[in-house]
Amino acid sequence: HSFPAYGGRAKNGAQRTLMGGIGLVLAALTTKWFCDVKTAIGLYCALTLVHLFCNYKSLKLVALDWLNGWRLHQVVAEFLDCSTNATEKHNNNIDDPSAFRVSNPIETSKKEPLLFLPESRSMNRQSASSSTYPILMGVSFNKMVQLTHRSPSSLQSELVQRHGIIHEDNYILVVGQAAGGKLSKAKQCVLVAFLPDSSNSEKAKAYLHGCLVRRALAASLLANNCKEEGHYNGRETELVKKAEETAQGELVILWPIFEKIVTDAGWKLDKTECSTEGYEIHVE
């Protein structure tokens, strides 16, 4: 049964050898026509650019079925747009899977940038709330204590509770106050801390949860006529808690739909690889 794979590799190698040989022959013939060094250098640069462009277009045809940071952001943004539209059309009835659609790997590969700098810019263009309420994945327990309004004892109690329940989510999500550094422009951020047993699917769920909290925070900002993020006329703790509760209620309804829609589109949630700060909280 290994013959077809072996034959495919041999055919691919033969094609490369043939094209390489043809290229060398053409190079030997064309170099006799150019006595001017500048012309040869110009032609070399032009052909190099054509080669790079062809490689760029060929990479756009490669469709990967796992979610990295950019693809996860893209898929979640499309899903939440469908959720918003479903809420407006069906009077808060968001449990209908037929109202949701996300891009499949082939469609997403045509949109995904190949360079790191355009990737970050593209994510900021997709959602203005990405910079307003950044989601920090895989933070340490110390950082969570420093930035959140909750006490260390309440966070420890939740950790112990989640560690003891088998079917509970292996992450903790809270809203915190952004402080300096990369978060200097943001007043608030969403903090996610993972337990050691958290799976790749749970990382996708945590990001969806964070986006729901972010959306609820933006809605509370609009509902209270606040001009700046983080200023809630003395009701910040109350409104943050309400946003967390609203997002948790939406997550219970939307996560099974998200899991089904994304899987049907061809994505494999168990291969999700999003960037985190690299910390895990161990409970002893």
Protein backbone atom coordinates (compact mmCIF):
# COMPACT_ATOMS: atom_id res chain seq x y z
CA HIS A 1 0.00 0.00 0.00
CA SER A 2 3.01 2.33 0.19
CA PHE A 3 3.68 2.19 -3.56
CA PRO A 4 1.38 5.09 -4.56
CA ALA A 5 3.00 7.45 -2.04
CA TYR A 6 6.47 6.34 -3.09
CA GLY A 7 5.56 6.72 -6.76
CA GLY A 8 4.21 10.24 -6.13
CA ARG A 9 7.45 11.29 -4.45
CA ALA A 10 9.52 9.79 -7.25
CA LYS A 11 7.40 11.56 -9.89
CA ASN A 12 7.74 14.86 -8.04
CA GLY A 13 11.52 14.42 -7.83
CA ALA A 14 11.74 13.59 -11.54
CA GLN A 15 9.74 16.70 -12.43
CA ARG A 16 12.04 18.88 -10.34
CA THR A 17 15.12 17.37 -11.97
CA LEU A 18 13.67 17.87 -15.46
CA MET A 19 12.68 21.49 -14.85
CA GLY A 20 16.06 22.21 -13.24
CA GLY A 21 17.83 20.78 -16.29
CA ILE A 22 15.69 22.79 -18.69
CA GLY A 23 16.41 25.92 -16.65
CA LEU A 24 20.16 25.36 -16.84
CA VAL A 25 20.03 24.86 -20.63
CA LEU A 26 17.96 28.01 -21.14
CA ALA A 27 20.29 29.95 -18.85
CA ALA A 28 23.32 28.83 -20.87
CA LEU A 29 21.64 29.86 -24.13
CA THR A 30 20.35 33.23 -22.97
CA THR A 31 23.61 34.33 -21.34
CA LYS A 32 25.26 34.34 -24.82
CA TRP A 33 22.74 36.95 -25.97
CA PHE A 34 23.55 39.47 -23.26
CA CYS A 35 26.90 41.14 -23.43
CA ASP A 36 25.73 44.01 -21.23
CA VAL A 37 26.09 43.26 -17.51
CA LYS A 38 23.37 45.78 -16.55
CA THR A 39 20.88 44.08 -18.84
CA ALA A 40 21.68 40.68 -17.35
CA ILE A 41 21.30 42.01 -13.79
CA GLY A 42 18.01 43.71 -14.67
CA LEU A 43 16.66 40.53 -16.23
CA TYR A 44 17.77 38.53 -13.19
CA CYS A 45 15.96 40.90 -10.84
CA ALA A 46 12.82 40.85 -12.98
CA LEU A 47 12.73 37.05 -13.11
CA THR A 48 13.36 36.88 -9.36
CA LEU A 49 10.36 39.12 -8.73
CA VAL A 50 8.23 36.96 -11.01
CA HIS A 51 9.42 33.88 -9.12
CA LEU A 52 8.55 35.43 -5.75
CA PHE A 53 5.14 36.49 -7.03
CA CYS A 54 4.41 32.97 -8.26
CA ASN A 55 5.46 31.55 -4.90
CA TYR A 56 3.19 34.04 -3.15
CA LYS A 57 0.21 33.04 -5.30
CA SER A 58 0.93 29.34 -4.82
CA LEU A 59 1.08 29.74 -1.03
CA LYS A 60 -2.34 31.41 -1.17
CA LEU A 61 -3.67 28.14 -2.59
CA VAL A 62 -2.49 26.17 0.45
CA ALA A 63 -5.50 25.65 2.74
CA LEU A 64 -4.66 24.61 6.30
CA ASP A 65 -7.46 23.08 8.36
CA TRP A 66 -6.23 24.20 11.80
CA LEU A 67 -6.75 27.55 13.51
CA ASN A 68 -3.81 29.79 14.31
CA GLY A 69 -4.23 33.23 15.87
CA TRP A 70 -5.27 35.01 12.68
CA ARG A 71 -7.64 32.28 11.45
CA LEU A 72 -9.22 31.92 14.88
CA HIS A 73 -9.80 35.67 15.03
CA GLN A 74 -11.29 35.64 11.52
CA VAL A 75 -13.63 32.70 12.18
CA VAL A 76 -14.80 34.02 15.56
CA ALA A 77 -15.43 37.49 14.09
CA GLU A 78 -17.57 36.00 11.31
CA PHE A 79 -19.44 33.85 13.81
CA LEU A 80 -20.18 36.79 16.12
CA ASP A 81 -21.37 38.89 13.16
CA CYS A 82 -23.88 36.13 12.39
CA SER A 83 -24.85 36.08 16.07
CA THR A 84 -25.52 39.82 16.04
CA ASN A 85 -27.58 39.57 12.85
CA ALA A 86 -29.55 36.62 14.25
CA THR A 87 -30.28 38.54 17.44
CA GLU A 88 -31.60 41.53 15.50
CA LYS A 89 -33.74 39.48 13.12
CA HIS A 90 -35.14 36.86 15.49
CA ASN A 91 -35.68 38.86 18.69
CA ASN A 92 -32.74 37.51 20.69
CA ASN A 93 -33.21 33.96 19.40
CA ILE A 94 -29.60 32.99 18.74
CA ASP A 95 -29.85 29.22 19.08
CA ASP A 96 -30.64 28.53 15.41
CA PRO A 97 -27.56 26.99 13.71
CA SER A 98 -28.88 27.80 10.23
CA ALA A 99 -28.31 31.51 10.92
CA PHE A 100 -24.54 30.99 11.27
CA ARG A 101 -21.81 30.58 8.68
CA VAL A 102 -18.02 30.87 8.76
CA SER A 103 -15.40 30.72 6.02
CA ASN A 104 -13.90 27.34 5.22
CA PRO A 105 -10.10 26.78 5.04
CA ILE A 106 -9.96 27.44 1.28
CA GLU A 107 -11.80 30.77 1.56
CA THR A 108 -9.73 31.84 4.57
CA SER A 109 -6.42 30.99 2.88
CA LYS A 110 -7.16 33.58 0.19
CA LYS A 111 -7.61 36.30 2.82
CA GLU A 112 -4.84 35.37 5.23
CA PRO A 113 -1.70 37.55 4.92
CA LEU A 114 1.60 35.76 4.61
CA LEU A 115 3.72 38.38 6.38
CA PHE A 116 3.68 39.02 10.14
CA LEU A 117 3.29 42.81 9.99
CA PRO A 118 0.24 42.85 7.68
CA GLU A 119 -1.26 40.07 9.83
CA SER A 120 -1.33 42.25 12.96
CA ARG A 121 -2.63 45.24 10.99
CA SER A 122 -5.31 43.13 9.36
CA MET A 123 -6.51 41.86 12.75
CA ASN A 124 -6.80 45.44 14.00
CA ARG A 125 -8.79 46.42 10.91
CA GLN A 126 -11.16 43.49 11.38
CA SER A 127 -12.22 44.63 14.84
CA ALA A 128 -11.63 47.98 16.52
CA SER A 129 -12.36 46.34 19.88
CA SER A 130 -9.19 44.22 19.49
CA SER A 131 -7.11 47.19 20.62
CA THR A 132 -9.81 48.62 22.93
CA TYR A 133 -10.27 45.40 24.92
CA PRO A 134 -7.23 43.18 24.17
CA ILE A 135 -7.47 39.50 25.06
CA LEU A 136 -4.39 38.19 26.86
CA MET A 137 -4.21 34.40 26.65
CA GLY A 138 -2.19 32.20 29.00
CA VAL A 139 -1.36 34.83 31.62
CA SER A 140 0.22 33.99 34.96
CA PHE A 141 -1.73 33.91 38.21
CA ASN A 142 0.31 36.84 39.55
CA LYS A 143 -0.53 38.99 36.55
CA MET A 144 -4.21 38.11 36.85
CA VAL A 145 -4.21 39.11 40.52
CA GLN A 146 -2.46 42.41 39.73
CA LEU A 147 -4.79 43.48 36.93
CA THR A 148 -8.20 42.15 37.93
CA HIS A 149 -10.71 43.61 40.39
CA ARG A 150 -11.21 40.21 42.03
CA SER A 151 -9.43 39.17 45.19
CA PRO A 152 -6.72 36.47 45.18
CA SER A 153 -8.82 34.26 47.48
CA SER A 154 -11.79 34.23 45.06
CA LEU A 155 -9.50 33.34 42.15
CA GLN A 156 -7.90 30.55 44.18
CA SER A 157 -11.33 29.20 45.10
CA GLU A 158 -12.39 29.12 41.46
CA LEU A 159 -9.15 27.38 40.51
CA VAL A 160 -9.68 24.68 43.11
CA GLN A 161 -13.28 24.25 42.02
CA ARG A 162 -12.41 23.87 38.35
CA HIS A 163 -9.54 21.54 39.14
CA GLY A 164 -11.88 19.21 41.03
CA ILE A 165 -14.62 19.01 38.39
CA ILE A 166 -13.80 16.79 35.42
CA HIS A 167 -16.16 18.35 32.87
CA GLU A 168 -15.50 21.95 33.88
CA ASP A 169 -13.58 24.29 31.54
CA ASN A 170 -9.85 24.23 32.23
CA TYR A 171 -9.39 27.98 32.10
CA ILE A 172 -10.34 31.10 34.05
CA LEU A 173 -11.42 34.32 32.37
CA VAL A 174 -11.73 37.70 34.08
CA VAL A 175 -11.71 41.37 33.12
CA GLY A 176 -8.74 43.40 34.28
CA GLN A 177 -7.39 46.91 34.18
CA ALA A 178 -4.70 47.42 31.54
CA ALA A 179 -1.57 48.99 32.95
CA GLY A 180 1.25 50.44 30.85
CA GLY A 181 3.40 48.79 28.21
CA LYS A 182 1.57 47.51 25.16
CA LEU A 183 -1.76 48.11 26.89
CA SER A 184 -1.19 51.82 27.59
CA LYS A 185 -3.94 52.85 25.13
CA ALA A 186 -6.48 50.43 26.56
CA LYS A 187 -8.38 50.96 29.80
CA GLN A 188 -9.45 47.34 30.20
CA CYS A 189 -8.36 43.91 29.01
CA VAL A 190 -9.63 40.33 29.10
CA LEU A 191 -7.35 37.93 30.96
CA VAL A 192 -7.35 34.18 30.35
CA ALA A 193 -5.37 31.73 32.49
CA PHE A 194 -5.13 28.05 31.55
CA LEU A 195 -4.91 24.95 33.70
CA PRO A 196 -2.44 22.20 32.68
CA ASP A 197 -5.22 19.95 31.33
CA SER A 198 -6.63 22.56 28.93
CA SER A 199 -7.02 21.22 25.39
CA ASN A 200 -6.61 22.98 22.06
CA SER A 201 -10.39 23.08 21.67
CA GLU A 202 -10.67 24.81 25.04
CA LYS A 203 -8.21 27.46 23.86
CA ALA A 204 -10.58 28.20 20.97
CA LYS A 205 -13.49 28.25 23.42
CA ALA A 206 -11.59 30.61 25.72
CA TYR A 207 -10.98 33.01 22.82
CA LEU A 208 -14.66 32.94 21.85
CA HIS A 209 -15.51 33.55 25.51
CA GLY A 210 -13.13 36.50 25.58
CA CYS A 211 -14.68 38.00 22.46
CA LEU A 212 -18.15 37.67 24.02
CA VAL A 213 -16.94 39.48 27.15
CA ARG A 214 -15.38 42.14 24.96
CA ARG A 215 -18.64 42.61 23.10
CA ALA A 216 -20.58 42.84 26.37
CA LEU A 217 -18.15 45.45 27.69
CA ALA A 218 -18.54 47.54 24.53
CA ALA A 219 -22.34 47.27 24.83
CA SER A 220 -22.24 48.40 28.47
CA LEU A 221 -20.04 51.34 27.46
CA LEU A 222 -22.60 52.36 24.85
CA ALA A 223 -25.59 51.77 27.12
CA ASN A 224 -24.17 54.00 29.86
CA ASN A 225 -23.17 56.79 27.46
CA CYS A 226 -19.53 56.65 28.53
CA LYS A 227 -17.09 58.58 26.39
CA GLU A 228 -14.02 56.56 27.37
CA GLU A 229 -13.40 52.91 28.11
CA GLY A 230 -13.08 52.13 31.79
CA HIS A 231 -15.16 55.14 32.99
CA TYR A 232 -18.57 53.93 34.15
CA ASN A 233 -19.57 56.73 36.51
CA GLY A 234 -18.51 54.80 39.61
CA ARG A 235 -20.26 51.57 38.56
CA GLU A 236 -17.28 49.89 36.95
CA THR A 237 -17.18 46.75 39.14
CA GLU A 238 -20.93 46.25 38.81
CA LEU A 239 -20.97 46.62 35.02
CA VAL A 240 -17.89 44.46 34.53
CA LYS A 241 -19.50 41.70 36.58
CA LYS A 242 -22.69 42.03 34.54
CA ALA A 243 -20.70 41.83 31.29
CA GLU A 244 -18.96 38.65 32.52
CA GLU A 245 -22.30 37.08 33.46
CA THR A 246 -23.86 38.07 30.11
CA ALA A 247 -20.96 36.57 28.18
CA GLN A 248 -21.09 33.36 30.22
CA GLY A 249 -24.78 32.95 29.44
CA GLU A 250 -24.16 33.53 25.73
CA LEU A 251 -21.25 31.09 25.74
CA VAL A 252 -23.45 28.27 27.03
CA ILE A 253 -25.72 28.74 24.01
CA LEU A 254 -23.19 29.69 21.33
CA TRP A 255 -20.30 27.30 21.98
CA PRO A 256 -22.12 24.11 20.82
CA ILE A 257 -23.26 26.00 17.70
CA PHE A 258 -19.75 27.35 17.10
CA GLU A 259 -18.26 23.89 17.52
CA LYS A 260 -20.68 22.39 14.99
CA ILE A 261 -20.47 25.21 12.43
CA VAL A 262 -16.68 25.38 12.51
CA THR A 263 -16.32 21.59 12.27
CA ASP A 264 -18.79 21.43 9.37
CA ALA A 265 -16.78 24.13 7.59
CA GLY A 266 -13.73 21.85 7.68
CA TRP A 267 -11.78 23.20 10.66
CA LYS A 268 -10.21 20.91 13.25
CA LEU A 269 -10.56 22.51 16.67
CA ASP A 270 -8.33 19.91 18.31
CA LYS A 271 -5.40 21.36 16.32
CA THR A 272 -5.93 24.97 17.37
CA GLU A 273 -2.65 26.80 18.00
CA CYS A 274 -3.09 30.39 19.17
CA SER A 275 -0.31 32.43 20.70
CA THR A 276 -0.29 32.74 24.49
CA GLU A 277 2.02 34.16 27.14
CA GLY A 278 2.99 30.57 27.94
CA TYR A 279 1.84 30.24 31.56
CA GLU A 280 -0.22 27.47 33.11
CA ILE A 281 -1.63 27.45 36.63
CA HIS A 282 -0.96 24.28 38.61
CA VAL A 283 -3.17 23.44 41.59
CA GLU A 284 -1.67 21.26 44.32
